[in-house]
Amino acid sequence: MRRAAISIPSNIAEGCGRGTNPQLNQFLNISQGSAFELETQIIISHELGFIKESDFNDFSKEITEIQNMIFGFQKTLS
């Protein structure tokens, strides 16, 4: 989960440093993939009883917000 969480902003930063919109968009796609990976890991952790319901709800809300922000950023590139 840590690796997926760190991958999200790291790929955004790398994409921003590439200098072109197509390359940035590719790294945003990778970031989005990491966000969905993290969401899946959160769901599985909750189902296995490793995460409390209240924390699960908070984490789910935050990861959905991050996914929406990445999608919004991608829309500005087209």
N, C-alpha and C. Protein backbone atom coordinates (compact mmCIF):
# COMPACT_ATOMS: atom_id res chain seq x y z
N MET A 1 0.84 -1.19 0.00
CA MET A 1 0.00 0.00 0.00
C MET A 1 0.88 1.25 0.00
N ARG A 2 1.97 1.19 0.73
CA ARG A 2 2.88 2.34 0.75
C ARG A 2 3.45 2.62 -0.64
N ARG A 3 3.85 1.54 -1.32
CA ARG A 3 4.43 1.72 -2.65
C ARG A 3 3.43 2.33 -3.62
N ALA A 4 2.19 1.88 -3.59
CA ALA A 4 1.16 2.44 -4.47
C ALA A 4 0.90 3.90 -4.11
N ALA A 5 0.84 4.19 -2.81
CA ALA A 5 0.57 5.57 -2.37
C ALA A 5 1.70 6.51 -2.78
N ILE A 6 2.93 6.05 -2.68
CA ILE A 6 4.08 6.88 -3.06
C ILE A 6 4.16 7.03 -4.58
N SER A 7 3.73 6.02 -5.29
CA SER A 7 3.78 6.04 -6.76
C SER A 7 2.89 7.12 -7.36
N ILE A 8 1.78 7.43 -6.70
CA ILE A 8 0.84 8.41 -7.26
C ILE A 8 1.50 9.77 -7.46
N PRO A 9 1.99 10.45 -6.40
CA PRO A 9 2.60 11.77 -6.63
C PRO A 9 3.94 11.69 -7.35
N SER A 10 4.65 10.57 -7.18
CA SER A 10 5.95 10.44 -7.85
C SER A 10 5.80 10.44 -9.36
N ASN A 11 4.81 9.72 -9.87
CA ASN A 11 4.58 9.69 -11.32
C ASN A 11 4.05 11.02 -11.84
N ILE A 12 3.25 11.71 -11.03
CA ILE A 12 2.79 13.05 -11.44
C ILE A 12 4.00 13.98 -11.57
N ALA A 13 4.88 13.93 -10.58
CA ALA A 13 6.07 14.79 -10.62
C ALA A 13 6.96 14.45 -11.81
N GLU A 14 7.17 13.17 -12.05
CA GLU A 14 8.00 12.78 -13.18
C GLU A 14 7.38 13.23 -14.50
N GLY A 15 6.07 13.07 -14.63
CA GLY A 15 5.38 13.51 -15.84
C GLY A 15 5.50 15.00 -16.06
N CYS A 16 5.39 15.77 -14.99
CA CYS A 16 5.52 17.23 -15.10
C CYS A 16 6.92 17.62 -15.55
N GLY A 17 7.90 16.82 -15.18
CA GLY A 17 9.28 17.11 -15.56
C GLY A 17 9.63 16.71 -16.98
N ARG A 18 8.77 16.00 -17.65
CA ARG A 18 9.06 15.51 -19.00
C ARG A 18 8.92 16.58 -20.06
N GLY A 19 8.11 17.59 -19.82
CA GLY A 19 8.07 18.72 -20.73
C GLY A 19 7.03 18.70 -21.83
N THR A 20 6.36 17.58 -22.07
CA THR A 20 5.32 17.58 -23.10
C THR A 20 4.02 17.02 -22.53
N ASN A 21 2.92 17.50 -23.07
CA ASN A 21 1.62 17.03 -22.60
C ASN A 21 1.38 15.53 -22.82
N PRO A 22 1.77 14.98 -23.98
CA PRO A 22 1.57 13.53 -24.14
C PRO A 22 2.34 12.70 -23.10
N GLN A 23 3.56 13.11 -22.80
CA GLN A 23 4.32 12.39 -21.78
C GLN A 23 3.71 12.58 -20.40
N LEU A 24 3.28 13.81 -20.09
CA LEU A 24 2.62 14.06 -18.81
C LEU A 24 1.37 13.20 -18.70
N ASN A 25 0.60 13.13 -19.76
CA ASN A 25 -0.62 12.34 -19.74
C ASN A 25 -0.32 10.86 -19.49
N GLN A 26 0.75 10.35 -20.07
CA GLN A 26 1.14 8.95 -19.85
C GLN A 26 1.44 8.71 -18.37
N PHE A 27 2.16 9.64 -17.74
CA PHE A 27 2.48 9.48 -16.33
C PHE A 27 1.26 9.69 -15.44
N LEU A 28 0.33 10.51 -15.88
CA LEU A 28 -0.93 10.64 -15.15
C LEU A 28 -1.72 9.33 -15.23
N ASN A 29 -1.66 8.66 -16.38
CA ASN A 29 -2.30 7.34 -16.51
C ASN A 29 -1.69 6.35 -15.52
N ILE A 30 -0.38 6.38 -15.39
CA ILE A 30 0.29 5.49 -14.44
C ILE A 30 -0.12 5.84 -13.01
N SER A 31 -0.20 7.14 -12.72
CA SER A 31 -0.65 7.58 -11.40
C SER A 31 -2.07 7.11 -11.12
N GLN A 32 -2.92 7.23 -12.11
CA GLN A 32 -4.30 6.79 -11.95
C GLN A 32 -4.35 5.27 -11.68
N GLY A 33 -3.53 4.53 -12.38
CA GLY A 33 -3.45 3.09 -12.14
C GLY A 33 -3.02 2.78 -10.71
N SER A 34 -2.06 3.53 -10.21
CA SER A 34 -1.62 3.34 -8.83
C SER A 34 -2.72 3.71 -7.85
N ALA A 35 -3.50 4.73 -8.17
CA ALA A 35 -4.61 5.12 -7.31
C ALA A 35 -5.67 4.02 -7.24
N PHE A 36 -5.96 3.40 -8.38
CA PHE A 36 -6.91 2.29 -8.38
C PHE A 36 -6.34 1.06 -7.68
N GLU A 37 -5.05 0.86 -7.82
CA GLU A 37 -4.39 -0.24 -7.10
C GLU A 37 -4.52 -0.02 -5.59
N LEU A 38 -4.26 1.19 -5.14
CA LEU A 38 -4.38 1.51 -3.73
C LEU A 38 -5.82 1.34 -3.25
N GLU A 39 -6.78 1.77 -4.06
CA GLU A 39 -8.18 1.61 -3.70
C GLU A 39 -8.52 0.12 -3.51
N THR A 40 -8.04 -0.71 -4.41
CA THR A 40 -8.28 -2.14 -4.30
C THR A 40 -7.66 -2.71 -3.04
N GLN A 41 -6.46 -2.28 -2.72
CA GLN A 41 -5.80 -2.76 -1.51
C GLN A 41 -6.53 -2.30 -0.25
N ILE A 42 -7.10 -1.11 -0.27
CA ILE A 42 -7.89 -0.62 0.86
C ILE A 42 -9.14 -1.47 1.03
N ILE A 43 -9.81 -1.78 -0.07
CA ILE A 43 -11.02 -2.61 -0.01
C ILE A 43 -10.69 -3.99 0.55
N ILE A 44 -9.63 -4.60 0.04
CA ILE A 44 -9.24 -5.93 0.52
C ILE A 44 -8.87 -5.89 2.00
N SER A 45 -8.12 -4.87 2.40
CA SER A 45 -7.74 -4.74 3.81
C SER A 45 -8.96 -4.62 4.71
N HIS A 46 -9.95 -3.88 4.24
CA HIS A 46 -11.19 -3.74 5.02
C HIS A 46 -11.92 -5.07 5.10
N GLU A 47 -12.03 -5.75 3.97
CA GLU A 47 -12.74 -7.03 3.95
C GLU A 47 -12.06 -8.09 4.82
N LEU A 48 -10.74 -7.99 4.96
CA LEU A 48 -10.00 -8.93 5.80
C LEU A 48 -9.97 -8.50 7.26
N GLY A 49 -10.55 -7.34 7.55
CA GLY A 49 -10.64 -6.87 8.93
C GLY A 49 -9.42 -6.12 9.43
N PHE A 50 -8.55 -5.68 8.52
CA PHE A 50 -7.35 -4.94 8.92
C PHE A 50 -7.61 -3.44 9.08
N ILE A 51 -8.71 -2.96 8.51
CA ILE A 51 -9.06 -1.54 8.57
C ILE A 51 -10.46 -1.41 9.14
N LYS A 52 -10.59 -0.51 10.12
CA LYS A 52 -11.90 -0.24 10.72
C LYS A 52 -12.81 0.43 9.70
N GLU A 53 -14.12 0.29 9.93
CA GLU A 53 -15.12 0.86 9.03
C GLU A 53 -14.93 2.37 8.86
N SER A 54 -14.71 3.07 9.96
CA SER A 54 -14.56 4.54 9.88
C SER A 54 -13.32 4.92 9.08
N ASP A 55 -12.21 4.21 9.28
CA ASP A 55 -11.00 4.49 8.51
C ASP A 55 -11.21 4.12 7.04
N PHE A 56 -11.88 3.01 6.80
CA PHE A 56 -12.17 2.60 5.43
C PHE A 56 -12.96 3.68 4.70
N ASN A 57 -13.98 4.22 5.35
CA ASN A 57 -14.79 5.27 4.73
C ASN A 57 -13.96 6.51 4.44
N ASP A 58 -13.09 6.89 5.38
CA ASP A 58 -12.22 8.06 5.17
C ASP A 58 -11.25 7.81 4.02
N PHE A 59 -10.60 6.64 4.03
CA PHE A 59 -9.64 6.32 2.97
C PHE A 59 -10.31 6.26 1.60
N SER A 60 -11.49 5.66 1.56
CA SER A 60 -12.21 5.55 0.29
C SER A 60 -12.58 6.92 -0.27
N LYS A 61 -13.01 7.80 0.61
CA LYS A 61 -13.36 9.16 0.18
C LYS A 61 -12.13 9.88 -0.36
N GLU A 62 -11.00 9.75 0.34
CA GLU A 62 -9.78 10.43 -0.08
C GLU A 62 -9.25 9.89 -1.40
N ILE A 63 -9.24 8.57 -1.58
CA ILE A 63 -8.70 8.01 -2.82
C ILE A 63 -9.59 8.35 -4.00
N THR A 64 -10.90 8.41 -3.78
CA THR A 64 -11.81 8.82 -4.85
C THR A 64 -11.55 10.27 -5.24
N GLU A 65 -11.30 11.11 -4.26
CA GLU A 65 -10.99 12.52 -4.54
C GLU A 65 -9.69 12.64 -5.33
N ILE A 66 -8.70 11.85 -4.98
CA ILE A 66 -7.43 11.86 -5.71
C ILE A 66 -7.63 11.39 -7.15
N GLN A 67 -8.39 10.32 -7.33
CA GLN A 67 -8.68 9.83 -8.68
C GLN A 67 -9.38 10.90 -9.51
N ASN A 68 -10.32 11.60 -8.91
CA ASN A 68 -11.03 12.67 -9.62
C ASN A 68 -10.09 13.83 -9.97
N MET A 69 -9.17 14.15 -9.08
CA MET A 69 -8.22 15.23 -9.36
C MET A 69 -7.30 14.86 -10.52
N ILE A 70 -6.83 13.62 -10.53
CA ILE A 70 -5.97 13.18 -11.64
C ILE A 70 -6.74 13.23 -12.95
N PHE A 71 -7.97 12.74 -12.94
CA PHE A 71 -8.81 12.77 -14.15
C PHE A 71 -9.02 14.21 -14.60
N GLY A 72 -9.29 15.11 -13.67
CA GLY A 72 -9.47 16.53 -14.02
C GLY A 72 -8.23 17.14 -14.61
N PHE A 73 -7.08 16.77 -14.06
CA PHE A 73 -5.80 17.25 -14.60
C PHE A 73 -5.63 16.75 -16.02
N GLN A 74 -5.95 15.49 -16.27
CA GLN A 74 -5.84 14.94 -17.62
C GLN A 74 -6.75 15.67 -18.61
N LYS A 75 -7.93 16.05 -18.18
CA LYS A 75 -8.87 16.77 -19.06
C LYS A 75 -8.31 18.12 -19.49
N THR A 76 -7.49 18.74 -18.65
CA THR A 76 -6.91 20.05 -19.02
C THR A 76 -5.87 19.93 -20.11
N LEU A 77 -5.37 18.71 -20.33
CA LEU A 77 -4.31 18.50 -21.32
C LEU A 77 -4.86 18.29 -22.72
N SER A 78 -6.16 18.00 -22.85
CA SER A 78 -6.70 17.70 -24.17
C SER A 78 -7.27 18.92 -24.85
